[in-house]
């Protein structure tokens, strides 16, 4: 079994999260500058066995694609060309930023740490991955 990599793609920063090799636990990996995100992901896949990529799908409350969806689609297409053997699927990312802030509050992070947008993006990617994992459990 390989890892599942989740991506919370943003205009400036991209949050990444991965499962363990047995796909039991979702963990934040890092946040990278969006300009280098594809290179970072390709290098990561060379080091670790990744069997699937889950891309956060930005939607509005109505379910319609958000303005960021066009950028996400372009990035997804680029990754498909760079990593043709790894399936990529979308997963609804609505509320992940709100849930990330709540997780930071519940975790007792100081106000200064909660303002760290890179940490919010990494936690958002972890929430996307956790949601995807829960939706794919056999029970």
C-alpha atoms as a PDB file:
ATOM      1  CA  UNK A   1       0.000   0.000   0.000  1.00  0.00           C
ATOM      2  CA  UNK A   2       1.174   3.523  -0.700  1.00  0.00           C
ATOM      3  CA  UNK A   3       0.461   6.873   0.799  1.00  0.00           C
ATOM      4  CA  UNK A   4      -2.352   9.204  -0.190  1.00  0.00           C
ATOM      5  CA  UNK A   5      -1.278  12.822  -0.664  1.00  0.00           C
ATOM      6  CA  UNK A   6      -3.803  15.639  -0.194  1.00  0.00           C
ATOM      7  CA  UNK A   7      -3.393  19.113  -1.635  1.00  0.00           C
ATOM      8  CA  UNK A   8      -5.022  22.361  -0.499  1.00  0.00           C
ATOM      9  CA  UNK A   9      -4.060  24.495  -3.488  1.00  0.00           C
ATOM     10  CA  UNK A  10      -3.970  28.253  -3.034  1.00  0.00           C
ATOM     11  CA  UNK A  11      -2.954  31.241  -5.089  1.00  0.00           C
ATOM     12  CA  UNK A  12       0.097  31.931  -2.872  1.00  0.00           C
ATOM     13  CA  UNK A  13       0.556  28.844  -0.688  1.00  0.00           C
ATOM     14  CA  UNK A  14      -0.292  25.166  -1.061  1.00  0.00           C
ATOM     15  CA  UNK A  15      -0.875  22.965   1.964  1.00  0.00           C
ATOM     16  CA  UNK A  16       0.061  19.293   1.793  1.00  0.00           C
ATOM     17  CA  UNK A  17      -0.886  16.317   3.933  1.00  0.00           C
ATOM     18  CA  UNK A  18      -0.188  12.593   3.638  1.00  0.00           C
ATOM     19  CA  UNK A  19      -1.320   9.323   5.109  1.00  0.00           C
ATOM     20  CA  UNK A  20       0.990   6.793   6.653  1.00  0.00           C
ATOM     21  CA  UNK A  21       1.843   3.881   4.293  1.00  0.00           C
ATOM     22  CA  UNK A  22      -1.072   1.818   5.670  1.00  0.00           C
ATOM     23  CA  UNK A  23      -3.473   4.745   5.085  1.00  0.00           C
ATOM     24  CA  UNK A  24      -4.665   4.785   8.688  1.00  0.00           C
ATOM     25  CA  UNK A  25      -3.665   8.278   9.791  1.00  0.00           C
ATOM     26  CA  UNK A  26      -3.666  11.665   8.042  1.00  0.00           C
ATOM     27  CA  UNK A  27      -0.765  13.958   8.922  1.00  0.00           C
ATOM     28  CA  UNK A  28       0.165  17.443   7.808  1.00  0.00           C
ATOM     29  CA  UNK A  29       3.251  17.384   5.611  1.00  0.00           C
ATOM     30  CA  UNK A  30       4.095  21.026   4.920  1.00  0.00           C
ATOM     31  CA  UNK A  31       3.033  24.201   3.180  1.00  0.00           C
ATOM     32  CA  UNK A  32       4.978  25.316   0.131  1.00  0.00           C
ATOM     33  CA  UNK A  33       4.958  28.366  -2.087  1.00  0.00           C
ATOM     34  CA  UNK A  34       2.500  27.591  -4.899  1.00  0.00           C
ATOM     35  CA  UNK A  35       5.155  28.498  -7.489  1.00  0.00           C
ATOM     36  CA  UNK A  36       7.211  25.435  -6.441  1.00  0.00           C
ATOM     37  CA  UNK A  37       4.371  23.116  -5.384  1.00  0.00           C
ATOM     38  CA  UNK A  38       4.480  20.871  -8.459  1.00  0.00           C
ATOM     39  CA  UNK A  39       8.258  20.394  -8.166  1.00  0.00           C
ATOM     40  CA  UNK A  40       7.949  19.666  -4.442  1.00  0.00           C
ATOM     41  CA  UNK A  41       5.223  17.070  -5.074  1.00  0.00           C
ATOM     42  CA  UNK A  42       7.166  15.360  -7.874  1.00  0.00           C
ATOM     43  CA  UNK A  43      10.258  15.139  -5.654  1.00  0.00           C
ATOM     44  CA  UNK A  44       8.165  13.796  -2.768  1.00  0.00           C
ATOM     45  CA  UNK A  45       6.647  11.108  -4.995  1.00  0.00           C
ATOM     46  CA  UNK A  46      10.158  10.060  -6.059  1.00  0.00           C
ATOM     47  CA  UNK A  47      11.080   9.477  -2.381  1.00  0.00           C
ATOM     48  CA  UNK A  48       7.808   8.015  -1.109  1.00  0.00           C
ATOM     49  CA  UNK A  49       5.338   5.598  -2.645  1.00  0.00           C
ATOM     50  CA  UNK A  50       2.191   7.638  -3.305  1.00  0.00           C
ATOM     51  CA  UNK A  51      -0.735   5.692  -4.715  1.00  0.00           C
ATOM     52  CA  UNK A  52      -3.270   8.508  -5.023  1.00  0.00           C
ATOM     53  CA  UNK A  53      -3.532  12.296  -4.862  1.00  0.00           C
ATOM     54  CA  UNK A  54      -6.593  14.004  -3.409  1.00  0.00           C
ATOM     55  CA  UNK A  55      -7.034  17.576  -4.589  1.00  0.00           C
ATOM     56  CA  UNK A  56      -9.197  19.943  -2.575  1.00  0.00           C
ATOM     57  CA  UNK A  57     -12.079  21.094  -4.762  1.00  0.00           C
ATOM     58  CA  UNK A  58     -13.006  24.700  -3.990  1.00  0.00           C
ATOM     59  CA  UNK A  59     -16.751  25.261  -4.045  1.00  0.00           C
ATOM     60  CA  UNK A  60     -19.076  28.043  -3.037  1.00  0.00           C
ATOM     61  CA  UNK A  61     -21.816  27.409  -0.494  1.00  0.00           C
ATOM     62  CA  UNK A  62     -24.230  26.778  -3.381  1.00  0.00           C
ATOM     63  CA  UNK A  63     -22.049  23.924  -4.622  1.00  0.00           C
ATOM     64  CA  UNK A  64     -20.891  25.893  -7.650  1.00  0.00           C
ATOM     65  CA  UNK A  65     -17.131  26.028  -8.336  1.00  0.00           C
ATOM     66  CA  UNK A  66     -15.368  28.941  -6.656  1.00  0.00           C
ATOM     67  CA  UNK A  67     -13.137  31.409  -8.476  1.00  0.00           C
ATOM     68  CA  UNK A  68     -10.060  29.349  -7.501  1.00  0.00           C
ATOM     69  CA  UNK A  69     -11.339  26.240  -9.321  1.00  0.00           C
ATOM     70  CA  UNK A  70      -9.834  27.346 -12.634  1.00  0.00           C
ATOM     71  CA  UNK A  71      -6.352  27.569 -11.058  1.00  0.00           C
ATOM     72  CA  UNK A  72      -6.897  24.229  -9.289  1.00  0.00           C
ATOM     73  CA  UNK A  73      -7.882  22.602 -12.597  1.00  0.00           C
ATOM     74  CA  UNK A  74      -4.786  23.946 -14.356  1.00  0.00           C
ATOM     75  CA  UNK A  75      -2.564  22.708 -11.515  1.00  0.00           C
ATOM     76  CA  UNK A  76      -4.296  19.306 -11.529  1.00  0.00           C
ATOM     77  CA  UNK A  77      -3.757  18.953 -15.277  1.00  0.00           C
ATOM     78  CA  UNK A  78      -0.089  19.829 -14.831  1.00  0.00           C
ATOM     79  CA  UNK A  79       0.295  17.182 -12.132  1.00  0.00           C
ATOM     80  CA  UNK A  80      -1.444  14.590 -14.334  1.00  0.00           C
ATOM     81  CA  UNK A  81       1.192  15.230 -17.001  1.00  0.00           C
ATOM     82  CA  UNK A  82       4.074  15.101 -14.522  1.00  0.00           C
ATOM     83  CA  UNK A  83       2.731  12.049 -12.645  1.00  0.00           C
ATOM     84  CA  UNK A  84       0.670  10.098 -15.202  1.00  0.00           C
ATOM     85  CA  UNK A  85       0.647   6.868 -13.153  1.00  0.00           C
ATOM     86  CA  UNK A  86      -0.913   8.405 -10.045  1.00  0.00           C
ATOM     87  CA  UNK A  87      -4.687   8.899 -10.033  1.00  0.00           C
ATOM     88  CA  UNK A  88      -5.873  12.329  -8.918  1.00  0.00           C
ATOM     89  CA  UNK A  89      -9.351  12.915  -7.576  1.00  0.00           C
ATOM     90  CA  UNK A  90     -11.173  15.921  -6.197  1.00  0.00           C
ATOM     91  CA  UNK A  91     -12.658  16.187  -2.716  1.00  0.00           C
ATOM     92  CA  UNK A  92     -14.925  19.018  -1.535  1.00  0.00           C
ATOM     93  CA  UNK A  93     -12.897  21.453   0.544  1.00  0.00           C
ATOM     94  CA  UNK A  94     -15.725  23.689   1.777  1.00  0.00           C
ATOM     95  CA  UNK A  95     -15.298  24.681   5.422  1.00  0.00           C
ATOM     96  CA  UNK A  96     -11.721  23.352   5.696  1.00  0.00           C
ATOM     97  CA  UNK A  97     -10.259  26.758   6.589  1.00  0.00           C
ATOM     98  CA  UNK A  98     -12.967  27.285   9.238  1.00  0.00           C
ATOM     99  CA  UNK A  99     -12.325  23.794  10.626  1.00  0.00           C
ATOM    100  CA  UNK A 100      -8.572  24.427  10.588  1.00  0.00           C
ATOM    101  CA  UNK A 101      -9.004  27.589  12.676  1.00  0.00           C
ATOM    102  CA  UNK A 102     -11.291  25.706  15.060  1.00  0.00           C
ATOM    103  CA  UNK A 103      -8.724  22.902  15.385  1.00  0.00           C
ATOM    104  CA  UNK A 104      -6.052  25.483  16.181  1.00  0.00           C
ATOM    105  CA  UNK A 105      -8.269  27.055  18.850  1.00  0.00           C
ATOM    106  CA  UNK A 106      -9.199  23.675  20.318  1.00  0.00           C
ATOM    107  CA  UNK A 107      -5.523  22.703  20.287  1.00  0.00           C
ATOM    108  CA  UNK A 108      -4.687  25.708  22.446  1.00  0.00           C
ATOM    109  CA  UNK A 109      -2.461  27.486  19.937  1.00  0.00           C
ATOM    110  CA  UNK A 110      -1.581  31.039  20.826  1.00  0.00           C
ATOM    111  CA  UNK A 111      -3.122  33.876  18.815  1.00  0.00           C
ATOM    112  CA  UNK A 112       0.206  34.538  17.080  1.00  0.00           C
ATOM    113  CA  UNK A 113       0.419  30.910  15.911  1.00  0.00           C
ATOM    114  CA  UNK A 114      -3.208  30.935  14.732  1.00  0.00           C
ATOM    115  CA  UNK A 115      -2.329  33.814  12.372  1.00  0.00           C
ATOM    116  CA  UNK A 116       0.209  31.593  10.610  1.00  0.00           C
ATOM    117  CA  UNK A 117      -1.494  31.143   7.224  1.00  0.00           C
ATOM    118  CA  UNK A 118       0.942  28.408   6.197  1.00  0.00           C
ATOM    119  CA  UNK A 119      -0.119  26.356   9.207  1.00  0.00           C
ATOM    120  CA  UNK A 120      -3.786  26.925   8.340  1.00  0.00           C
ATOM    121  CA  UNK A 121      -3.124  25.619   4.805  1.00  0.00           C
ATOM    122  CA  UNK A 122      -1.342  22.512   6.103  1.00  0.00           C
ATOM    123  CA  UNK A 123      -4.139  21.789   8.582  1.00  0.00           C
ATOM    124  CA  UNK A 124      -6.711  22.369   5.813  1.00  0.00           C
ATOM    125  CA  UNK A 125      -4.948  19.775   3.643  1.00  0.00           C
ATOM    126  CA  UNK A 126      -5.045  17.377   6.596  1.00  0.00           C
ATOM    127  CA  UNK A 127      -8.785  17.959   7.026  1.00  0.00           C
ATOM    128  CA  UNK A 128      -9.338  17.318   3.303  1.00  0.00           C
ATOM    129  CA  UNK A 129      -7.381  14.080   3.596  1.00  0.00           C
ATOM    130  CA  UNK A 130      -9.180  12.992   6.764  1.00  0.00           C
ATOM    131  CA  UNK A 131     -12.545  13.638   5.100  1.00  0.00           C
ATOM    132  CA  UNK A 132     -11.510  11.666   2.031  1.00  0.00           C
ATOM    133  CA  UNK A 133     -10.317   8.770   4.210  1.00  0.00           C
ATOM    134  CA  UNK A 134     -13.584   8.719   6.165  1.00  0.00           C
ATOM    135  CA  UNK A 135     -15.598   8.680   2.931  1.00  0.00           C
ATOM    136  CA  UNK A 136     -13.608   5.658   1.694  1.00  0.00           C
ATOM    137  CA  UNK A 137     -13.757   3.476   4.802  1.00  0.00           C
ATOM    138  CA  UNK A 138     -15.291   0.068   4.098  1.00  0.00           C
ATOM    139  CA  UNK A 139     -17.638   0.288   7.085  1.00  0.00           C
END
